[in-house]
Amino acid sequence: MPLAETIARLHRAVAGEIAVIEAAREKLGDAPRQRVEAGRAARTLASLAATLHRLNCMQMGLPPSANDYDDIPTDIDEFRRRLARRIEAFLESREADESGGDDAAPAAASS
């Protein structure tokens, strides 16, 4: 099966799943949803949106975007160092607030 045909079929499948979620929500009207059900629907919609994004990239012949994996740092050691600096800056700013100091938060907090 050609790639374009597979992508089109997947698009239809995703659209069908979104329609099912919309119909279920419409059926409930203004009634609040159970927390578990709402969370499941949110995760499903996020997954479907990510799938649509990837399908669109494939359809346009684009490589998967770097943003597809933006929660996975490429250099874990640098990520840890930056995170440690941000945590330290946050703690220092909290200590300054508690002591009534007027010291501004260190510049590392914004990086």
Protein backbone atom coordinates (compact mmCIF):
# COMPACT_ATOMS: atom_id res chain seq x y z
CA MET A 1 0.00 0.00 0.00
CA PRO A 2 1.47 3.39 -0.96
CA LEU A 3 2.48 5.71 1.87
CA ALA A 4 0.06 8.45 0.77
CA GLU A 5 -2.84 6.00 0.97
CA THR A 6 -1.77 4.81 4.42
CA ILE A 7 -1.47 8.39 5.66
CA ALA A 8 -4.96 9.16 4.32
CA ARG A 9 -6.39 6.08 6.08
CA LEU A 10 -4.71 7.08 9.34
CA HIS A 11 -6.10 10.62 8.98
CA ARG A 12 -9.59 9.18 8.61
CA ALA A 13 -9.09 6.91 11.63
CA VAL A 14 -7.92 9.82 13.79
CA ALA A 15 -10.83 11.97 12.60
CA GLY A 16 -13.20 9.12 13.49
CA GLU A 17 -11.77 8.86 17.00
CA ILE A 18 -12.11 12.60 17.49
CA ALA A 19 -15.73 12.38 16.32
CA VAL A 20 -16.40 9.64 18.92
CA ILE A 21 -14.98 11.84 21.70
CA GLU A 22 -17.00 14.83 20.49
CA ALA A 23 -20.20 12.76 20.36
CA ALA A 24 -19.64 11.47 23.89
CA ARG A 25 -19.10 15.02 25.15
CA GLU A 26 -22.16 16.27 23.27
CA LYS A 27 -24.24 13.52 24.87
CA LEU A 28 -23.22 14.72 28.33
CA GLY A 29 -24.20 18.30 27.57
CA ASP A 30 -23.22 20.63 30.40
CA ALA A 31 -22.91 17.83 32.95
CA PRO A 32 -19.44 17.61 34.50
CA ARG A 33 -17.35 14.58 33.66
CA GLN A 34 -15.76 12.22 36.10
CA ARG A 35 -12.13 13.14 36.77
CA VAL A 36 -10.82 9.81 35.46
CA GLU A 37 -12.88 10.05 32.27
CA ALA A 38 -11.85 13.66 31.67
CA GLY A 39 -8.18 12.74 32.11
CA ARG A 40 -8.50 9.81 29.76
CA ALA A 41 -10.19 11.99 27.13
CA ALA A 42 -7.49 14.66 27.48
CA ARG A 43 -4.70 12.08 27.06
CA THR A 44 -6.47 10.56 24.06
CA LEU A 45 -6.90 13.96 22.41
CA ALA A 46 -3.24 14.83 23.05
CA SER A 47 -2.16 11.56 21.49
CA LEU A 48 -4.44 12.08 18.50
CA ALA A 49 -3.12 15.62 18.02
CA ALA A 50 0.46 14.34 18.09
CA THR A 51 -0.47 11.65 15.60
CA LEU A 52 -2.02 14.22 13.27
CA HIS A 53 1.09 16.37 13.53
CA ARG A 54 3.32 13.44 12.58
CA LEU A 55 1.01 12.43 9.74
CA ASN A 56 1.04 15.98 8.38
CA CYS A 57 4.84 16.02 8.50
CA MET A 58 4.96 12.69 6.68
CA GLN A 59 2.44 13.89 4.11
CA MET A 60 4.54 16.97 3.38
CA GLY A 61 7.72 14.90 3.22
CA LEU A 62 9.19 16.59 6.28
CA PRO A 63 11.32 14.78 8.83
CA PRO A 64 9.85 14.42 12.31
CA SER A 65 10.31 17.76 14.02
CA ALA A 66 12.74 18.11 16.89
CA ASN A 67 9.78 19.27 18.97
CA ASP A 68 8.33 15.76 18.84
CA TYR A 69 10.84 14.81 21.50
CA ASP A 70 11.39 18.09 23.31
CA ASP A 71 10.91 16.44 26.70
CA ILE A 72 14.01 14.30 26.13
CA PRO A 73 17.17 16.40 26.54
CA THR A 74 19.98 15.69 24.11
CA ASP A 75 22.68 16.32 26.73
CA ILE A 76 21.45 14.95 30.05
CA ASP A 77 24.43 16.28 32.02
CA GLU A 78 23.90 19.85 30.80
CA PHE A 79 20.19 19.48 31.51
CA ARG A 80 20.99 18.44 35.09
CA ARG A 81 23.40 21.35 35.59
CA ARG A 82 20.86 23.88 34.30
CA LEU A 83 18.11 22.35 36.42
CA ALA A 84 20.33 22.46 39.52
CA ARG A 85 21.14 26.16 38.86
CA ARG A 86 17.46 26.97 38.45
CA ILE A 87 16.54 25.14 41.65
CA GLU A 88 19.30 26.90 43.59
CA ALA A 89 18.21 30.29 42.23
CA PHE A 90 14.61 29.55 43.14
CA LEU A 91 15.56 28.54 46.69
CA GLU A 92 17.73 31.64 47.09
CA SER A 93 14.88 33.86 45.93
CA ARG A 94 12.52 32.19 48.40
CA GLU A 95 15.03 32.71 51.23
CA ALA A 96 15.37 36.37 50.25
CA ASP A 97 11.57 36.75 50.25
CA GLU A 98 11.26 35.12 53.68
CA SER A 99 14.00 37.26 55.19
CA GLY A 100 12.41 40.42 53.79
CA GLY A 101 15.37 41.14 51.57
CA ASP A 102 14.95 43.20 48.44
CA ASP A 103 17.49 41.16 46.50
CA ALA A 104 16.31 40.34 43.00
CA ALA A 105 16.33 36.71 41.94
CA PRO A 106 19.65 35.74 40.34
CA ALA A 107 19.81 35.83 36.55
CA ALA A 108 20.23 32.03 36.48
CA ALA A 109 16.55 31.70 37.40
CA SER A 110 15.50 32.93 33.98
CA SER A 111 17.73 30.61 31.99
